[in-house]
Amino acid sequence: MKKQSQSTPTEPVAAQEPEQLAPAAAVEEQAAQPEAATPSPEEALAVAQAQAAEYLDGWQRARAELANYRRRVEAQRAEMAMEANAGLLERLLPLLDDLLLALNNTPTAKGEPAGDGAWEEWRSGIALIAHKFASTLESVGVTPIQTEGQHFDPAVHEAVTLEEHAEVESGKIIAQLRQGYRLGDRVLRAAMVRVAR
């Protein structure tokens, strides 16, 4: 049987040499390269002007893009507002038609005598139009502000007068002079009221 010689592993010599030679090779490479010439002031100025022109061009493009974006957003916003208004106006136009029809059909316009309940029928027709109008407003989220029996709230009520009143406690609403309305939580118009002192 042959005896195997046991040798201790050693690092190859070639692996050590590049590490030792690396700094020397770097020095030789640097020496072999010609020195970079420093640019003259005219060349440095030309480079700086070219860079400044490039930055100016980029800034002008970005500014134009922002202006175009703002115009687009404003146009979209105006279009959305117009669409919303158009939807509401389409609901209100039939009410205007009804009012015009009622005005053209008063009892005196039809040649009927003032009595015989003709005006009462006409009045009930106008009341029906008012009810239709209130229903249309309610369908788009407009609701009347309650005043009857309520305490005065400056957020939703506008006090026209403060009056002494024997039957109504202080701070409560005596009467409503003009109806107020809300759109969701927003007050469109405060209710005009008389308040007890």
N, C-alpha and C. Protein backbone atom coordinates (compact mmCIF):
# COMPACT_ATOMS: atom_id res chain seq x y z
N MET A 1 0.82 -1.16 0.00
CA MET A 1 0.00 0.00 0.00
C MET A 1 0.87 1.23 0.00
N LYS A 2 0.39 2.17 -0.75
CA LYS A 2 1.16 3.39 -0.82
C LYS A 2 0.72 4.31 0.29
N LYS A 3 1.65 4.94 0.79
CA LYS A 3 1.38 5.87 1.85
C LYS A 3 1.05 7.22 1.25
N GLN A 4 -0.07 7.73 1.71
CA GLN A 4 -0.44 9.06 1.21
C GLN A 4 0.24 10.09 2.09
N SER A 5 0.81 11.01 1.42
CA SER A 5 1.48 12.04 2.20
C SER A 5 0.45 13.09 2.61
N GLN A 6 0.50 13.37 3.83
CA GLN A 6 -0.42 14.40 4.34
C GLN A 6 0.31 15.72 4.35
N SER A 7 -0.28 16.61 3.60
CA SER A 7 0.34 17.93 3.56
C SER A 7 -0.67 18.93 4.08
N THR A 8 -0.20 19.95 4.66
CA THR A 8 -1.10 20.98 5.18
C THR A 8 -1.47 21.91 4.05
N PRO A 9 -2.70 22.26 4.00
CA PRO A 9 -3.10 23.14 2.91
C PRO A 9 -2.46 24.49 3.08
N THR A 10 -1.94 24.94 2.00
CA THR A 10 -1.34 26.28 2.00
C THR A 10 -1.99 27.09 0.90
N GLU A 11 -1.99 28.39 1.11
CA GLU A 11 -2.57 29.26 0.08
C GLU A 11 -1.60 29.34 -1.07
N PRO A 12 -2.13 29.35 -2.24
CA PRO A 12 -1.24 29.45 -3.40
C PRO A 12 -0.53 30.80 -3.37
N VAL A 13 0.61 30.76 -3.86
CA VAL A 13 1.44 31.96 -3.88
C VAL A 13 0.86 32.98 -4.85
N ALA A 14 0.25 32.49 -5.91
CA ALA A 14 -0.30 33.41 -6.92
C ALA A 14 -1.42 34.24 -6.35
N ALA A 15 -2.15 33.71 -5.38
CA ALA A 15 -3.26 34.45 -4.79
C ALA A 15 -2.75 35.61 -3.95
N GLN A 16 -1.58 35.46 -3.39
CA GLN A 16 -1.05 36.53 -2.55
C GLN A 16 -0.42 37.62 -3.39
N GLU A 17 0.14 37.25 -4.52
CA GLU A 17 0.88 38.22 -5.31
C GLU A 17 0.02 39.35 -5.85
N PRO A 18 -1.22 39.12 -6.37
CA PRO A 18 -1.97 40.25 -6.91
C PRO A 18 -2.32 41.26 -5.83
N GLU A 19 -2.57 40.79 -4.62
CA GLU A 19 -2.88 41.73 -3.55
C GLU A 19 -1.68 42.60 -3.26
N GLN A 20 -0.52 41.98 -3.30
CA GLN A 20 0.68 42.75 -3.01
C GLN A 20 1.04 43.66 -4.18
N LEU A 21 0.70 43.24 -5.39
CA LEU A 21 1.05 44.02 -6.56
C LEU A 21 0.02 45.10 -6.88
N ALA A 22 -1.18 45.03 -6.33
CA ALA A 22 -2.25 45.96 -6.68
C ALA A 22 -1.87 47.41 -6.47
N PRO A 23 -1.34 47.80 -5.33
CA PRO A 23 -0.98 49.21 -5.18
C PRO A 23 0.09 49.64 -6.17
N ALA A 24 1.01 48.79 -6.44
CA ALA A 24 2.07 49.15 -7.38
C ALA A 24 1.52 49.30 -8.78
N ALA A 25 0.58 48.43 -9.17
CA ALA A 25 -0.01 48.50 -10.51
C ALA A 25 -0.82 49.78 -10.66
N ALA A 26 -1.53 50.17 -9.58
CA ALA A 26 -2.33 51.39 -9.63
C ALA A 26 -1.44 52.60 -9.82
N VAL A 27 -0.29 52.61 -9.18
CA VAL A 27 0.64 53.74 -9.32
C VAL A 27 1.16 53.80 -10.74
N GLU A 28 1.49 52.62 -11.32
CA GLU A 28 2.00 52.59 -12.69
C GLU A 28 0.94 53.07 -13.68
N GLU A 29 -0.35 52.64 -13.45
CA GLU A 29 -1.43 53.06 -14.36
C GLU A 29 -1.61 54.57 -14.30
N GLN A 30 -1.56 55.12 -13.11
CA GLN A 30 -1.73 56.57 -12.97
C GLN A 30 -0.59 57.30 -13.66
N ALA A 31 0.59 56.75 -13.55
CA ALA A 31 1.74 57.39 -14.19
C ALA A 31 1.64 57.31 -15.69
N ALA A 32 1.05 56.19 -16.21
CA ALA A 32 0.95 56.01 -17.65
C ALA A 32 -0.07 56.94 -18.27
N GLN A 33 -1.13 57.33 -17.49
CA GLN A 33 -2.17 58.21 -18.04
C GLN A 33 -1.65 59.64 -18.09
N PRO A 34 -1.95 60.30 -19.17
CA PRO A 34 -1.53 61.69 -19.23
C PRO A 34 -2.40 62.52 -18.29
N GLU A 35 -1.83 63.54 -17.75
CA GLU A 35 -2.56 64.39 -16.82
C GLU A 35 -3.67 65.11 -17.57
N ALA A 36 -4.89 65.15 -16.93
CA ALA A 36 -6.01 65.85 -17.55
C ALA A 36 -5.74 67.33 -17.46
N ALA A 37 -5.93 67.95 -18.58
CA ALA A 37 -5.67 69.39 -18.62
C ALA A 37 -6.81 70.12 -17.96
N THR A 38 -6.53 71.08 -17.14
CA THR A 38 -7.59 71.87 -16.54
C THR A 38 -8.15 72.78 -17.62
N PRO A 39 -9.51 72.88 -17.64
CA PRO A 39 -10.10 73.69 -18.72
C PRO A 39 -9.76 75.16 -18.52
N SER A 40 -9.71 75.81 -19.64
CA SER A 40 -9.45 77.26 -19.59
C SER A 40 -10.72 77.95 -19.10
N PRO A 41 -10.62 79.18 -18.63
CA PRO A 41 -11.82 79.89 -18.16
C PRO A 41 -12.90 79.99 -19.23
N GLU A 42 -12.51 80.14 -20.49
CA GLU A 42 -13.50 80.23 -21.57
C GLU A 42 -14.26 78.91 -21.71
N GLU A 43 -13.52 77.80 -21.63
CA GLU A 43 -14.16 76.49 -21.74
C GLU A 43 -15.09 76.24 -20.55
N ALA A 44 -14.63 76.60 -19.34
CA ALA A 44 -15.46 76.42 -18.15
C ALA A 44 -16.72 77.26 -18.25
N LEU A 45 -16.58 78.48 -18.79
CA LEU A 45 -17.75 79.35 -18.98
C LEU A 45 -18.71 78.74 -19.99
N ALA A 46 -18.18 78.21 -21.07
CA ALA A 46 -19.04 77.59 -22.10
C ALA A 46 -19.79 76.40 -21.53
N VAL A 47 -19.10 75.58 -20.71
CA VAL A 47 -19.75 74.42 -20.09
C VAL A 47 -20.84 74.88 -19.13
N ALA A 48 -20.55 75.89 -18.33
CA ALA A 48 -21.53 76.41 -17.37
C ALA A 48 -22.73 77.02 -18.09
N GLN A 49 -22.47 77.73 -19.21
CA GLN A 49 -23.58 78.32 -19.97
C GLN A 49 -24.44 77.25 -20.61
N ALA A 50 -23.81 76.19 -21.11
CA ALA A 50 -24.58 75.09 -21.69
C ALA A 50 -25.44 74.41 -20.63
N GLN A 51 -24.87 74.22 -19.44
CA GLN A 51 -25.62 73.60 -18.36
C GLN A 51 -26.76 74.52 -17.90
N ALA A 52 -26.49 75.82 -17.82
CA ALA A 52 -27.54 76.77 -17.44
C ALA A 52 -28.66 76.79 -18.46
N ALA A 53 -28.32 76.72 -19.75
CA ALA A 53 -29.34 76.69 -20.80
C ALA A 53 -30.19 75.43 -20.69
N GLU A 54 -29.52 74.31 -20.36
CA GLU A 54 -30.25 73.05 -20.19
C GLU A 54 -31.21 73.13 -19.00
N TYR A 55 -30.76 73.70 -17.89
CA TYR A 55 -31.62 73.86 -16.72
C TYR A 55 -32.78 74.81 -17.01
N LEU A 56 -32.50 75.90 -17.72
CA LEU A 56 -33.54 76.86 -18.07
C LEU A 56 -34.60 76.20 -18.94
N ASP A 57 -34.15 75.42 -19.91
CA ASP A 57 -35.09 74.73 -20.80
C ASP A 57 -35.96 73.76 -19.99
N GLY A 58 -35.36 73.01 -19.08
CA GLY A 58 -36.12 72.07 -18.24
C GLY A 58 -37.12 72.80 -17.36
N TRP A 59 -36.70 73.92 -16.79
CA TRP A 59 -37.58 74.71 -15.93
C TRP A 59 -38.75 75.26 -16.73
N GLN A 60 -38.47 75.78 -17.93
CA GLN A 60 -39.54 76.33 -18.76
C GLN A 60 -40.54 75.24 -19.17
N ARG A 61 -40.03 74.06 -19.48
CA ARG A 61 -40.93 72.95 -19.84
C ARG A 61 -41.81 72.56 -18.65
N ALA A 62 -41.20 72.47 -17.47
CA ALA A 62 -41.96 72.11 -16.26
C ALA A 62 -43.01 73.17 -15.96
N ARG A 63 -42.64 74.42 -16.14
CA ARG A 63 -43.59 75.51 -15.89
C ARG A 63 -44.76 75.45 -16.88
N ALA A 64 -44.47 75.18 -18.14
CA ALA A 64 -45.53 75.06 -19.15
C ALA A 64 -46.43 73.86 -18.86
N GLU A 65 -45.83 72.75 -18.43
CA GLU A 65 -46.63 71.57 -18.09
C GLU A 65 -47.55 71.86 -16.91
N LEU A 66 -47.06 72.58 -15.91
CA LEU A 66 -47.88 72.93 -14.76
C LEU A 66 -49.03 73.86 -15.17
N ALA A 67 -48.74 74.84 -16.02
CA ALA A 67 -49.79 75.75 -16.49
C ALA A 67 -50.85 74.97 -17.27
N ASN A 68 -50.42 74.04 -18.12
CA ASN A 68 -51.38 73.22 -18.88
C ASN A 68 -52.21 72.35 -17.95
N TYR A 69 -51.58 71.79 -16.93
CA TYR A 69 -52.30 70.96 -15.96
C TYR A 69 -53.35 71.78 -15.23
N ARG A 70 -52.97 72.99 -14.80
CA ARG A 70 -53.92 73.85 -14.10
C ARG A 70 -55.10 74.20 -14.99
N ARG A 71 -54.84 74.51 -16.26
CA ARG A 71 -55.94 74.82 -17.19
C ARG A 71 -56.86 73.62 -17.38
N ARG A 72 -56.25 72.42 -17.49
CA ARG A 72 -57.05 71.21 -17.65
C ARG A 72 -57.94 70.97 -16.44
N VAL A 73 -57.37 71.10 -15.23
CA VAL A 73 -58.13 70.88 -13.99
C VAL A 73 -59.25 71.91 -13.88
N GLU A 74 -58.96 73.17 -14.19
CA GLU A 74 -59.98 74.22 -14.11
C GLU A 74 -61.11 73.95 -15.11
N ALA A 75 -60.75 73.51 -16.30
CA ALA A 75 -61.77 73.19 -17.31
C ALA A 75 -62.63 72.01 -16.85
N GLN A 76 -62.00 71.00 -16.25
CA GLN A 76 -62.76 69.85 -15.75
C GLN A 76 -63.68 70.27 -14.61
N ARG A 77 -63.18 71.13 -13.73
CA ARG A 77 -63.99 71.61 -12.62
C ARG A 77 -65.20 72.39 -13.13
N ALA A 78 -64.97 73.28 -14.11
CA ALA A 78 -66.08 74.06 -14.68
C ALA A 78 -67.09 73.14 -15.36
N GLU A 79 -66.60 72.12 -16.04
CA GLU A 79 -67.50 71.17 -16.71
C GLU A 79 -68.35 70.41 -15.69
N MET A 80 -67.73 69.99 -14.57
CA MET A 80 -68.49 69.29 -13.54
C MET A 80 -69.55 70.19 -12.92
N ALA A 81 -69.19 71.45 -12.68
CA ALA A 81 -70.16 72.39 -12.11
C ALA A 81 -71.32 72.61 -13.08
N MET A 82 -71.00 72.72 -14.37
CA MET A 82 -72.05 72.92 -15.37
C MET A 82 -72.98 71.71 -15.45
N GLU A 83 -72.39 70.52 -15.37
CA GLU A 83 -73.21 69.30 -15.39
C GLU A 83 -74.13 69.24 -14.17
N ALA A 84 -73.60 69.61 -13.00
CA ALA A 84 -74.41 69.60 -11.78
C ALA A 84 -75.54 70.62 -11.90
N ASN A 85 -75.22 71.82 -12.39
CA ASN A 85 -76.25 72.85 -12.55
C ASN A 85 -77.28 72.42 -13.59
N ALA A 86 -76.82 71.81 -14.66
CA ALA A 86 -77.75 71.39 -15.71
C ALA A 86 -78.74 70.36 -15.17
N GLY A 87 -78.26 69.44 -14.35
CA GLY A 87 -79.15 68.43 -13.76
C GLY A 87 -80.22 69.07 -12.89
N LEU A 88 -79.84 70.06 -12.08
CA LEU A 88 -80.80 70.73 -11.22
C LEU A 88 -81.78 71.56 -12.05
N LEU A 89 -81.26 72.27 -13.03
CA LEU A 89 -82.13 73.11 -13.85
C LEU A 89 -83.14 72.28 -14.65
N GLU A 90 -82.73 71.11 -15.09
CA GLU A 90 -83.67 70.23 -15.80
C GLU A 90 -84.84 69.85 -14.89
N ARG A 91 -84.58 69.72 -13.60
CA ARG A 91 -85.66 69.40 -12.65
C ARG A 91 -86.54 70.62 -12.36
N LEU A 92 -85.96 71.83 -12.47
CA LEU A 92 -86.72 73.03 -12.14
C LEU A 92 -87.56 73.56 -13.32
N LEU A 93 -87.17 73.28 -14.54
CA LEU A 93 -87.88 73.81 -15.69
C LEU A 93 -89.36 73.42 -15.74
N PRO A 94 -89.74 72.19 -15.41
CA PRO A 94 -91.17 71.87 -15.40
C PRO A 94 -91.96 72.73 -14.40
N LEU A 95 -91.32 73.13 -13.32
CA LEU A 95 -92.00 73.99 -12.35
C LEU A 95 -92.26 75.37 -12.95
N LEU A 96 -91.30 75.88 -13.69
CA LEU A 96 -91.50 77.16 -14.37
C LEU A 96 -92.63 77.04 -15.39
N ASP A 97 -92.67 75.93 -16.11
CA ASP A 97 -93.76 75.71 -17.08
C ASP A 97 -95.11 75.74 -16.37
N ASP A 98 -95.20 75.08 -15.21
CA ASP A 98 -96.45 75.05 -14.45
C ASP A 98 -96.86 76.45 -13.98
N LEU A 99 -95.89 77.23 -13.49
CA LEU A 99 -96.19 78.59 -13.04
C LEU A 99 -96.68 79.47 -14.20
N LEU A 100 -96.02 79.37 -15.34
CA LEU A 100 -96.44 80.16 -16.50
C LEU A 100 -97.84 79.76 -16.96
N LEU A 101 -98.10 78.47 -16.94
CA LEU A 101 -99.44 77.98 -17.31
C LEU A 101 -100.48 78.51 -16.33
N ALA A 102 -100.17 78.50 -15.03
CA ALA A 102 -101.11 79.00 -14.03
C ALA A 102 -101.36 80.49 -14.21
N LEU A 103 -100.32 81.25 -14.49
CA LEU A 103 -100.48 82.70 -14.68
C LEU A 103 -101.32 83.01 -15.92
N ASN A 104 -101.21 82.18 -16.94
CA ASN A 104 -101.99 82.40 -18.17
C ASN A 104 -103.42 81.90 -18.04
N ASN A 105 -103.70 81.19 -16.96
CA ASN A 105 -105.05 80.64 -16.77
C ASN A 105 -105.72 81.14 -15.51
N THR A 106 -105.49 82.40 -15.16
CA THR A 106 -106.22 82.97 -14.02
C THR A 106 -107.69 83.07 -14.41
N PRO A 107 -108.59 83.07 -13.44
CA PRO A 107 -110.02 83.17 -13.77
C PRO A 107 -110.36 84.41 -14.60
N THR A 108 -109.72 85.53 -14.33
CA THR A 108 -110.04 86.73 -15.11
C THR A 108 -109.49 86.61 -16.53
N ALA A 109 -108.36 85.91 -16.72
CA ALA A 109 -107.79 85.73 -18.06
C ALA A 109 -108.70 84.83 -18.89
N LYS A 110 -109.42 83.93 -18.23
CA LYS A 110 -110.32 83.02 -18.95
C LYS A 110 -111.71 83.64 -19.14
N GLY A 111 -111.90 84.86 -18.59
CA GLY A 111 -113.18 85.53 -18.76
C GLY A 111 -114.24 85.07 -17.79
N GLU A 112 -113.86 84.37 -16.74
CA GLU A 112 -114.83 83.90 -15.75
C GLU A 112 -115.07 84.98 -14.71
N PRO A 113 -116.22 84.97 -14.09
CA PRO A 113 -116.47 85.94 -13.02
C PRO A 113 -115.57 85.66 -11.82
N ALA A 114 -115.32 86.68 -11.01
CA ALA A 114 -114.41 86.56 -9.87
C ALA A 114 -114.94 85.62 -8.81
N GLY A 115 -116.21 85.37 -8.75
CA GLY A 115 -116.77 84.48 -7.73
C GLY A 115 -116.79 83.04 -8.18
N ASP A 116 -117.74 82.31 -7.66
CA ASP A 116 -117.99 80.91 -8.02
C ASP A 116 -116.80 79.99 -7.74
N GLY A 117 -115.92 80.35 -6.84
CA GLY A 117 -114.81 79.47 -6.45
C GLY A 117 -113.71 79.34 -7.48
N ALA A 118 -113.75 80.15 -8.55
CA ALA A 118 -112.71 80.06 -9.58
C ALA A 118 -111.34 80.41 -9.02
N TRP A 119 -111.29 81.44 -8.18
CA TRP A 119 -110.01 81.83 -7.60
C TRP A 119 -109.51 80.78 -6.62
N GLU A 120 -110.41 80.12 -5.95
CA GLU A 120 -110.00 79.07 -5.00
C GLU A 120 -109.38 77.90 -5.76
N GLU A 121 -109.92 77.55 -6.90
CA GLU A 121 -109.33 76.49 -7.72
C GLU A 121 -107.95 76.91 -8.22
N TRP A 122 -107.84 78.16 -8.63
CA TRP A 122 -106.56 78.66 -9.12
C TRP A 122 -105.53 78.64 -7.99
N ARG A 123 -105.97 79.06 -6.79
CA ARG A 123 -105.08 79.05 -5.63
C ARG A 123 -104.62 77.64 -5.30
N SER A 124 -105.50 76.67 -5.37
CA SER A 124 -105.10 75.28 -5.08
C SER A 124 -104.12 74.77 -6.15
N GLY A 125 -104.26 75.25 -7.38
CA GLY A 125 -103.29 74.90 -8.43
C GLY A 125 -101.90 75.45 -8.12
N ILE A 126 -101.86 76.70 -7.64
CA ILE A 126 -100.58 77.31 -7.27
C ILE A 126 -99.98 76.56 -6.08
N ALA A 127 -100.83 76.17 -5.12
CA ALA A 127 -100.34 75.41 -3.96
C ALA A 127 -99.75 74.08 -4.41
N LEU A 128 -100.34 73.46 -5.41
CA LEU A 128 -99.82 72.20 -5.94
C LEU A 128 -98.44 72.42 -6.58
N ILE A 129 -98.27 73.53 -7.30
CA ILE A 129 -96.97 73.84 -7.90
C ILE A 129 -95.92 74.07 -6.81
N ALA A 130 -96.30 74.78 -5.73
CA ALA A 130 -95.37 75.01 -4.63
C ALA A 130 -94.95 73.69 -3.99
N HIS A 131 -95.90 72.78 -3.83
CA HIS A 131 -95.59 71.47 -3.26
C HIS A 131 -94.63 70.70 -4.18
N LYS A 132 -94.87 70.77 -5.48
CA LYS A 132 -94.02 70.10 -6.47
C LYS A 132 -92.60 70.68 -6.42
N PHE A 133 -92.51 72.00 -6.26
CA PHE A 133 -91.21 72.66 -6.18
C PHE A 133 -90.45 72.20 -4.92
N ALA A 134 -91.14 72.15 -3.78
CA ALA A 134 -90.52 71.70 -2.53
C ALA A 134 -90.05 70.25 -2.64
N SER A 135 -90.84 69.42 -3.32
CA SER A 135 -90.44 68.01 -3.51
C SER A 135 -89.20 67.91 -4.39
N THR A 136 -89.12 68.77 -5.41
CA THR A 136 -87.95 68.76 -6.29
C THR A 136 -86.71 69.17 -5.51
N LEU A 137 -86.83 70.20 -4.69
CA LEU A 137 -85.68 70.62 -3.87
C LEU A 137 -85.26 69.51 -2.92
N GLU A 138 -86.23 68.85 -2.31
CA GLU A 138 -85.92 67.77 -1.38
C GLU A 138 -85.23 66.61 -2.08
N SER A 139 -85.59 66.36 -3.34
CA SER A 139 -84.98 65.25 -4.09
C SER A 139 -83.50 65.48 -4.37
N VAL A 140 -83.05 66.75 -4.35
CA VAL A 140 -81.62 67.03 -4.55
C VAL A 140 -80.92 67.31 -3.23
N GLY A 141 -81.59 67.07 -2.10
CA GLY A 141 -80.96 67.17 -0.79
C GLY A 141 -81.21 68.47 -0.05
N VAL A 142 -82.07 69.34 -0.57
CA VAL A 142 -82.38 70.60 0.12
C VAL A 142 -83.54 70.35 1.07
N THR A 143 -83.33 70.72 2.34
CA THR A 143 -84.38 70.52 3.35
C THR A 143 -84.63 71.84 4.08
N PRO A 144 -85.88 72.07 4.50
CA PRO A 144 -86.17 73.30 5.25
C PRO A 144 -85.61 73.23 6.67
N ILE A 145 -85.21 74.38 7.20
CA ILE A 145 -84.73 74.47 8.57
C ILE A 145 -85.94 74.63 9.48
N GLN A 146 -86.03 73.81 10.52
CA GLN A 146 -87.16 73.85 11.44
C GLN A 146 -87.06 75.06 12.36
N THR A 147 -88.18 75.74 12.57
CA THR A 147 -88.19 76.91 13.46
C THR A 147 -89.28 76.81 14.52
N GLU A 148 -90.36 76.15 14.21
CA GLU A 148 -91.51 76.12 15.12
C GLU A 148 -91.15 75.42 16.43
N GLY A 149 -91.29 76.16 17.55
CA GLY A 149 -91.01 75.61 18.87
C GLY A 149 -89.54 75.41 19.17
N GLN A 150 -88.67 75.92 18.33
CA GLN A 150 -87.22 75.72 18.49
C GLN A 150 -86.60 76.88 19.27
N HIS A 151 -85.48 76.59 19.91
CA HIS A 151 -84.68 77.64 20.53
C HIS A 151 -83.87 78.31 19.41
N PHE A 152 -83.62 79.60 19.56
CA PHE A 152 -82.85 80.33 18.57
C PHE A 152 -81.43 79.77 18.48
N ASP A 153 -80.99 79.47 17.25
CA ASP A 153 -79.64 78.97 16.99
C ASP A 153 -79.02 79.87 15.92
N PRO A 154 -78.03 80.68 16.27
CA PRO A 154 -77.46 81.62 15.30
C PRO A 154 -76.80 80.94 14.10
N ALA A 155 -76.52 79.67 14.20
CA ALA A 155 -75.93 78.95 13.07
C ALA A 155 -76.94 78.73 11.94
N VAL A 156 -78.24 78.65 12.31
CA VAL A 156 -79.25 78.36 11.29
C VAL A 156 -80.40 79.36 11.26
N HIS A 157 -80.45 80.26 12.25
CA HIS A 157 -81.53 81.25 12.33
C HIS A 157 -80.95 82.65 12.28
N GLU A 158 -81.70 83.56 11.69
CA GLU A 158 -81.33 84.97 11.66
C GLU A 158 -82.42 85.74 12.39
N ALA A 159 -82.07 86.34 13.53
CA ALA A 159 -83.06 87.06 14.34
C ALA A 159 -83.28 88.45 13.76
N VAL A 160 -84.53 88.75 13.46
CA VAL A 160 -84.88 90.08 12.94
C VAL A 160 -85.27 90.98 14.11
N THR A 161 -86.00 90.42 15.06
CA THR A 161 -86.41 91.19 16.24
C THR A 161 -86.30 90.33 17.49
N LEU A 162 -86.06 91.01 18.61
CA LEU A 162 -86.15 90.40 19.94
C LEU A 162 -87.33 91.07 20.62
N GLU A 163 -88.32 90.29 21.01
CA GLU A 163 -89.56 90.85 21.53
C GLU A 163 -89.93 90.23 22.87
N GLU A 164 -90.59 91.05 23.68
CA GLU A 164 -91.18 90.53 24.92
C GLU A 164 -92.42 89.75 24.51
N HIS A 165 -92.56 88.54 25.06
CA HIS A 165 -93.73 87.73 24.72
C HIS A 165 -94.13 86.93 25.95
N ALA A 166 -95.36 87.09 26.36
CA ALA A 166 -95.83 86.44 27.59
C ALA A 166 -95.98 84.94 27.44
N GLU A 167 -96.29 84.46 26.24
CA GLU A 167 -96.59 83.04 26.06
C GLU A 167 -95.38 82.21 25.62
N VAL A 168 -94.31 82.86 25.20
CA VAL A 168 -93.13 82.12 24.69
C VAL A 168 -91.94 82.42 25.61
N GLU A 169 -91.23 81.36 26.02
CA GLU A 169 -90.09 81.55 26.91
C GLU A 169 -88.93 82.24 26.20
N SER A 170 -88.08 82.87 26.97
CA SER A 170 -86.95 83.63 26.44
C SER A 170 -86.02 82.72 25.62
N GLY A 171 -85.59 83.22 24.47
CA GLY A 171 -84.68 82.47 23.61
C GLY A 171 -85.36 81.57 22.61
N LYS A 172 -86.68 81.44 22.70
CA LYS A 172 -87.41 80.60 21.74
C LYS A 172 -87.92 81.46 20.59
N ILE A 173 -88.16 80.81 19.47
CA ILE A 173 -88.64 81.50 18.27
C ILE A 173 -90.14 81.73 18.39
N ILE A 174 -90.54 83.00 18.14
CA ILE A 174 -91.96 83.36 18.17
C ILE A 174 -92.61 83.03 16.83
N ALA A 175 -91.96 83.48 15.74
CA ALA A 175 -92.53 83.26 14.41
C ALA A 175 -91.42 83.27 13.37
N GLN A 176 -91.70 82.60 12.26
CA GLN A 176 -90.77 82.57 11.13
C GLN A 176 -91.24 83.59 10.10
N LEU A 177 -90.31 84.43 9.64
CA LEU A 177 -90.65 85.42 8.62
C LEU A 177 -90.24 84.96 7.22
N ARG A 178 -89.17 84.18 7.15
CA ARG A 178 -88.73 83.63 5.87
C ARG A 178 -88.11 82.27 6.13
N GLN A 179 -88.49 81.29 5.31
CA GLN A 179 -88.01 79.92 5.47
C GLN A 179 -86.51 79.86 5.17
N GLY A 180 -85.79 79.07 5.97
CA GLY A 180 -84.37 78.80 5.71
C GLY A 180 -84.20 77.39 5.17
N TYR A 181 -83.06 77.14 4.50
CA TYR A 181 -82.84 75.84 3.86
C TYR A 181 -81.41 75.37 4.08
N ARG A 182 -81.26 74.03 4.11
CA ARG A 182 -79.95 73.38 4.20
C ARG A 182 -79.76 72.49 2.97
N LEU A 183 -78.50 72.32 2.62
CA LEU A 183 -78.12 71.31 1.63
C LEU A 183 -77.18 70.37 2.38
N GLY A 184 -77.70 69.24 2.83
CA GLY A 184 -76.93 68.36 3.71
C GLY A 184 -76.72 69.08 5.03
N ASP A 185 -75.46 69.26 5.42
CA ASP A 185 -75.13 69.97 6.67
C ASP A 185 -74.88 71.46 6.43
N ARG A 186 -74.81 71.86 5.18
CA ARG A 186 -74.50 73.26 4.85
C ARG A 186 -75.77 74.10 4.84
N VAL A 187 -75.72 75.27 5.48
CA VAL A 187 -76.86 76.19 5.49
C VAL A 187 -76.83 77.00 4.20
N LEU A 188 -77.86 76.82 3.35
CA LEU A 188 -77.95 77.62 2.13
C LEU A 188 -78.46 79.02 2.45
N ARG A 189 -79.45 79.07 3.32
CA ARG A 189 -80.01 80.35 3.74
C ARG A 189 -80.58 80.17 5.13
N ALA A 190 -80.19 81.08 6.05
CA ALA A 190 -80.70 81.00 7.42
C ALA A 190 -82.17 81.39 7.45
N ALA A 191 -82.90 80.80 8.37
CA ALA A 191 -84.31 81.13 8.54
C ALA A 191 -84.41 82.49 9.25
N MET A 192 -85.23 83.38 8.73
CA MET A 192 -85.42 84.70 9.33
C MET A 192 -86.56 84.57 10.35
N VAL A 193 -86.26 84.92 11.62
CA VAL A 193 -87.22 84.67 12.69
C VAL A 193 -87.35 85.85 13.65
N ARG A 194 -88.45 85.82 14.42
CA ARG A 194 -88.65 86.72 15.56
C ARG A 194 -88.39 85.89 16.80
N VAL A 195 -87.66 86.43 17.76
CA VAL A 195 -87.24 85.69 18.93
C VAL A 195 -87.76 86.36 20.20
N ALA A 196 -88.17 85.55 21.16
CA ALA A 196 -88.63 86.06 22.45
C ALA A 196 -87.45 86.46 23.30
N ARG A 197 -87.62 87.59 24.00
CA ARG A 197 -86.56 88.10 24.87
C ARG A 197 -86.72 87.54 26.27
